[in-house]
Amino acid sequence: MAKKVKAEKKKIVFVCTGNTCRSPMAEILFRYILGKKRKLSVYDVSSAGLCACDGDPMTENAVKAMAVLRVPIKRVHTAHALTRETADKADLIVCMTGEHKNALAAWGDKVKSVRELTGGNDVPDPYGGDLALYVKTAEYLLYACEDIFAYAQNLPSKK
């Protein structure tokens, strides 16, 4: 009897500047959507920043915005700088802005901006803003994650 080969998880990395607001919120929201769709086992989801200070916590208002949306944070987030290894292994790198995408142009077609994937806008940085701005950002990311999921469904499976 032939052994069934389990497909490797598709690796998706959300990227912003400092990895304390937008990209960790996107990571949490994407996992939330995957859980609702019973697709958590298909994806390996993470986030990173282009100028992140490793170990920095998620901002207080980003955490509060998740609570406002009633999206549980299931693991403590600490910031990570995007490494060459992470980018190389990713199947999809989702950038919050076109500027982030341009900075990662060396990785080619696997780098997409939220704007490209949704037909909407870049995700403005809420850093330093009030809770209402963070909630608005999180709501937009929640909407965007549905389109990102639809795109990710068509990524080729790895064996």
C-alpha atoms as a PDB file:
ATOM      1  CA  MET A   1       0.000   0.000   0.000  1.00  0.00           C
ATOM      2  CA  ALA A   2       1.432   3.380  -0.997  1.00  0.00           C
ATOM      3  CA  LYS A   3       2.140   5.852   1.764  1.00  0.00           C
ATOM      4  CA  LYS A   4       0.159   9.066   1.509  1.00  0.00           C
ATOM      5  CA  VAL A   5       2.471  12.065   1.184  1.00  0.00           C
ATOM      6  CA  LYS A   6       1.339  14.957   3.324  1.00  0.00           C
ATOM      7  CA  ALA A   7       1.527  18.295   1.527  1.00  0.00           C
ATOM      8  CA  GLU A   8       3.779  20.873   3.133  1.00  0.00           C
ATOM      9  CA  LYS A   9       2.045  23.925   4.592  1.00  0.00           C
ATOM     10  CA  LYS A  10       1.914  27.065   2.471  1.00  0.00           C
ATOM     11  CA  LYS A  11       4.022  29.749   4.164  1.00  0.00           C
ATOM     12  CA  ILE A  12       2.545  33.241   4.301  1.00  0.00           C
ATOM     13  CA  VAL A  13       4.411  36.173   5.841  1.00  0.00           C
ATOM     14  CA  PHE A  14       2.773  39.529   6.542  1.00  0.00           C
ATOM     15  CA  VAL A  15       5.232  42.433   6.436  1.00  0.00           C
ATOM     16  CA  CYS A  16       5.173  46.016   7.694  1.00  0.00           C
ATOM     17  CA  THR A  17       7.807  48.362   9.067  1.00  0.00           C
ATOM     18  CA  GLY A  18       8.213  47.567  12.776  1.00  0.00           C
ATOM     19  CA  ASN A  19       6.154  44.375  13.200  1.00  0.00           C
ATOM     20  CA  THR A  20       4.290  45.818  16.198  1.00  0.00           C
ATOM     21  CA  CYS A  21       0.992  46.982  14.621  1.00  0.00           C
ATOM     22  CA  ARG A  22      -0.176  46.128  11.109  1.00  0.00           C
ATOM     23  CA  SER A  23       1.586  42.881  10.272  1.00  0.00           C
ATOM     24  CA  PRO A  24       0.925  41.184  13.630  1.00  0.00           C
ATOM     25  CA  MET A  25      -2.731  42.242  13.463  1.00  0.00           C
ATOM     26  CA  ALA A  26      -2.886  40.825   9.907  1.00  0.00           C
ATOM     27  CA  GLU A  27      -1.239  37.586  11.082  1.00  0.00           C
ATOM     28  CA  ILE A  28      -3.740  37.197  13.944  1.00  0.00           C
ATOM     29  CA  LEU A  29      -6.723  38.079  11.748  1.00  0.00           C
ATOM     30  CA  PHE A  30      -5.602  35.711   8.979  1.00  0.00           C
ATOM     31  CA  ARG A  31      -5.257  32.863  11.497  1.00  0.00           C
ATOM     32  CA  TYR A  32      -8.708  33.764  12.850  1.00  0.00           C
ATOM     33  CA  ILE A  33     -10.205  33.471   9.354  1.00  0.00           C
ATOM     34  CA  LEU A  34      -8.329  30.211   8.733  1.00  0.00           C
ATOM     35  CA  GLY A  35      -9.786  28.829  11.955  1.00  0.00           C
ATOM     36  CA  LYS A  36     -13.312  29.761  10.904  1.00  0.00           C
ATOM     37  CA  LYS A  37     -12.750  28.080   7.521  1.00  0.00           C
ATOM     38  CA  ARG A  38     -11.068  25.032   9.110  1.00  0.00           C
ATOM     39  CA  LYS A  39      -7.906  25.652   7.084  1.00  0.00           C
ATOM     40  CA  LEU A  40      -5.327  26.204   9.837  1.00  0.00           C
ATOM     41  CA  SER A  41      -3.575  22.954   8.942  1.00  0.00           C
ATOM     42  CA  VAL A  42      -2.900  24.159   5.387  1.00  0.00           C
ATOM     43  CA  TYR A  43      -0.976  27.351   6.216  1.00  0.00           C
ATOM     44  CA  ASP A  44       2.012  28.467   8.246  1.00  0.00           C
ATOM     45  CA  VAL A  45       1.348  32.150   8.996  1.00  0.00           C
ATOM     46  CA  SER A  46       3.840  34.618  10.442  1.00  0.00           C
ATOM     47  CA  SER A  47       4.731  38.302  10.355  1.00  0.00           C
ATOM     48  CA  ALA A  48       7.886  40.375  10.259  1.00  0.00           C
ATOM     49  CA  GLY A  49       9.093  43.931   9.875  1.00  0.00           C
ATOM     50  CA  LEU A  50      11.559  45.558   7.545  1.00  0.00           C
ATOM     51  CA  CYS A  51      12.954  47.671  10.409  1.00  0.00           C
ATOM     52  CA  ALA A  52      11.777  45.684  13.420  1.00  0.00           C
ATOM     53  CA  CYS A  53      13.557  45.567  16.754  1.00  0.00           C
ATOM     54  CA  ASP A  54      13.511  41.873  17.616  1.00  0.00           C
ATOM     55  CA  GLY A  55      11.527  41.216  20.767  1.00  0.00           C
ATOM     56  CA  ASP A  56       9.417  44.383  20.808  1.00  0.00           C
ATOM     57  CA  PRO A  57       5.840  43.675  21.914  1.00  0.00           C
ATOM     58  CA  MET A  58       2.722  44.353  19.904  1.00  0.00           C
ATOM     59  CA  THR A  59       1.493  47.875  20.642  1.00  0.00           C
ATOM     60  CA  GLU A  60      -1.123  48.226  23.361  1.00  0.00           C
ATOM     61  CA  ASN A  61      -3.693  49.667  20.951  1.00  0.00           C
ATOM     62  CA  ALA A  62      -3.135  46.807  18.476  1.00  0.00           C
ATOM     63  CA  VAL A  63      -3.917  44.343  21.271  1.00  0.00           C
ATOM     64  CA  LYS A  64      -6.984  46.395  22.272  1.00  0.00           C
ATOM     65  CA  ALA A  65      -8.171  46.568  18.650  1.00  0.00           C
ATOM     66  CA  MET A  66      -8.188  42.758  18.485  1.00  0.00           C
ATOM     67  CA  ALA A  67     -10.299  42.730  21.658  1.00  0.00           C
ATOM     68  CA  VAL A  68     -12.738  45.262  20.161  1.00  0.00           C
ATOM     69  CA  LEU A  69     -13.152  42.964  17.135  1.00  0.00           C
ATOM     70  CA  ARG A  70     -13.464  39.978  19.515  1.00  0.00           C
ATOM     71  CA  VAL A  71     -10.550  38.231  17.856  1.00  0.00           C
ATOM     72  CA  PRO A  72      -8.535  36.230  20.378  1.00  0.00           C
ATOM     73  CA  ILE A  73      -4.767  36.532  20.475  1.00  0.00           C
ATOM     74  CA  LYS A  74      -3.690  32.935  20.984  1.00  0.00           C
ATOM     75  CA  ARG A  75       0.053  33.528  21.357  1.00  0.00           C
ATOM     76  CA  VAL A  76       2.170  36.383  22.641  1.00  0.00           C
ATOM     77  CA  HIS A  77       3.611  38.359  19.745  1.00  0.00           C
ATOM     78  CA  THR A  78       7.147  39.689  19.690  1.00  0.00           C
ATOM     79  CA  ALA A  79       8.541  41.611  16.757  1.00  0.00           C
ATOM     80  CA  HIS A  80      10.898  39.980  14.289  1.00  0.00           C
ATOM     81  CA  ALA A  81      12.925  41.496  11.476  1.00  0.00           C
ATOM     82  CA  LEU A  82      12.331  39.851   8.123  1.00  0.00           C
ATOM     83  CA  THR A  83      15.263  37.590   7.359  1.00  0.00           C
ATOM     84  CA  ARG A  84      16.497  36.362   3.999  1.00  0.00           C
ATOM     85  CA  GLU A  85      15.751  32.794   5.131  1.00  0.00           C
ATOM     86  CA  THR A  86      12.125  33.636   6.013  1.00  0.00           C
ATOM     87  CA  ALA A  87      11.618  35.455   2.717  1.00  0.00           C
ATOM     88  CA  ASP A  88      13.218  32.620   0.743  1.00  0.00           C
ATOM     89  CA  LYS A  89      10.975  29.989   2.360  1.00  0.00           C
ATOM     90  CA  ALA A  90       7.755  32.005   2.008  1.00  0.00           C
ATOM     91  CA  ASP A  91       5.207  31.124  -0.641  1.00  0.00           C
ATOM     92  CA  LEU A  92       3.534  34.522  -0.287  1.00  0.00           C
ATOM     93  CA  ILE A  93       4.821  37.734   1.275  1.00  0.00           C
ATOM     94  CA  VAL A  94       1.985  40.185   1.915  1.00  0.00           C
ATOM     95  CA  CYS A  95       3.211  43.767   2.313  1.00  0.00           C
ATOM     96  CA  MET A  96       1.134  46.451   3.977  1.00  0.00           C
ATOM     97  CA  THR A  97       2.221  49.068   1.410  1.00  0.00           C
ATOM     98  CA  GLY A  98       3.646  49.367  -2.064  1.00  0.00           C
ATOM     99  CA  GLU A  99       6.830  50.779  -0.508  1.00  0.00           C
ATOM    100  CA  HIS A 100       7.290  47.602   1.512  1.00  0.00           C
ATOM    101  CA  LYS A 101       6.737  45.574  -1.661  1.00  0.00           C
ATOM    102  CA  ASN A 102       9.315  47.633  -3.569  1.00  0.00           C
ATOM    103  CA  ALA A 103      11.853  47.013  -0.812  1.00  0.00           C
ATOM    104  CA  LEU A 104      11.368  43.271  -1.327  1.00  0.00           C
ATOM    105  CA  ALA A 105      11.372  43.282  -5.137  1.00  0.00           C
ATOM    106  CA  ALA A 106      14.268  40.793  -5.187  1.00  0.00           C
ATOM    107  CA  TRP A 107      11.814  38.047  -4.171  1.00  0.00           C
ATOM    108  CA  GLY A 108       9.742  38.546  -7.307  1.00  0.00           C
ATOM    109  CA  ASP A 109       6.150  37.502  -7.835  1.00  0.00           C
ATOM    110  CA  LYS A 110       5.622  36.016  -4.384  1.00  0.00           C
ATOM    111  CA  VAL A 111       5.688  39.561  -2.959  1.00  0.00           C
ATOM    112  CA  LYS A 112       2.291  41.271  -3.118  1.00  0.00           C
ATOM    113  CA  SER A 113       0.870  44.362  -1.484  1.00  0.00           C
ATOM    114  CA  VAL A 114      -2.487  44.418   0.286  1.00  0.00           C
ATOM    115  CA  ARG A 115      -3.545  46.937  -2.353  1.00  0.00           C
ATOM    116  CA  GLU A 116      -2.788  44.450  -5.167  1.00  0.00           C
ATOM    117  CA  LEU A 117      -4.572  41.567  -3.496  1.00  0.00           C
ATOM    118  CA  THR A 118      -7.706  43.490  -2.525  1.00  0.00           C
ATOM    119  CA  GLY A 119      -8.098  46.176  -5.150  1.00  0.00           C
ATOM    120  CA  GLY A 120      -8.297  48.542  -2.167  1.00  0.00           C
ATOM    121  CA  ASN A 121      -5.674  50.733  -0.571  1.00  0.00           C
ATOM    122  CA  ASP A 122      -2.367  50.356   1.190  1.00  0.00           C
ATOM    123  CA  VAL A 123      -2.683  49.861   4.941  1.00  0.00           C
ATOM    124  CA  PRO A 124      -1.644  53.129   6.659  1.00  0.00           C
ATOM    125  CA  ASP A 125       0.509  52.874   9.755  1.00  0.00           C
ATOM    126  CA  PRO A 126      -1.562  53.482  12.904  1.00  0.00           C
ATOM    127  CA  TYR A 127       1.564  53.664  15.115  1.00  0.00           C
ATOM    128  CA  GLY A 128       1.110  56.412  17.712  1.00  0.00           C
ATOM    129  CA  GLY A 129      -2.562  56.836  16.852  1.00  0.00           C
ATOM    130  CA  ASP A 130      -5.555  56.418  19.102  1.00  0.00           C
ATOM    131  CA  LEU A 131      -7.559  53.240  19.590  1.00  0.00           C
ATOM    132  CA  ALA A 132     -10.153  54.295  16.990  1.00  0.00           C
ATOM    133  CA  LEU A 133      -7.426  54.438  14.323  1.00  0.00           C
ATOM    134  CA  TYR A 134      -6.166  50.979  15.303  1.00  0.00           C
ATOM    135  CA  VAL A 135      -9.699  49.562  15.174  1.00  0.00           C
ATOM    136  CA  LYS A 136     -10.223  51.114  11.726  1.00  0.00           C
ATOM    137  CA  THR A 137      -6.930  49.559  10.584  1.00  0.00           C
ATOM    138  CA  ALA A 138      -7.867  46.164  12.039  1.00  0.00           C
ATOM    139  CA  GLU A 139     -11.294  46.276  10.389  1.00  0.00           C
ATOM    140  CA  TYR A 140      -9.671  46.971   7.024  1.00  0.00           C
ATOM    141  CA  LEU A 141      -7.191  44.136   7.574  1.00  0.00           C
ATOM    142  CA  LEU A 142     -10.029  41.753   8.460  1.00  0.00           C
ATOM    143  CA  TYR A 143     -11.706  42.614   5.163  1.00  0.00           C
ATOM    144  CA  ALA A 144      -8.379  42.326   3.316  1.00  0.00           C
ATOM    145  CA  CYS A 145      -7.625  38.918   4.836  1.00  0.00           C
ATOM    146  CA  GLU A 146     -10.663  37.438   3.085  1.00  0.00           C
ATOM    147  CA  ASP A 147      -9.219  38.477  -0.301  1.00  0.00           C
ATOM    148  CA  ILE A 148      -5.740  37.336   0.734  1.00  0.00           C
ATOM    149  CA  PHE A 149      -7.207  33.958   1.680  1.00  0.00           C
ATOM    150  CA  ALA A 150      -8.898  33.671  -1.727  1.00  0.00           C
ATOM    151  CA  TYR A 151      -5.566  34.396  -3.405  1.00  0.00           C
ATOM    152  CA  ALA A 152      -3.664  31.987  -1.139  1.00  0.00           C
ATOM    153  CA  GLN A 153      -6.076  29.166  -2.016  1.00  0.00           C
ATOM    154  CA  ASN A 154      -4.620  29.259  -5.540  1.00  0.00           C
ATOM    155  CA  LEU A 155      -0.988  29.049  -4.467  1.00  0.00           C
ATOM    156  CA  PRO A 156       0.568  25.828  -5.726  1.00  0.00           C
ATOM    157  CA  SER A 157       0.756  23.045  -3.149  1.00  0.00           C
ATOM    158  CA  LYS A 158       4.197  21.849  -2.130  1.00  0.00           C
ATOM    159  CA  LYS A 159       4.860  18.132  -1.798  1.00  0.00           C
END
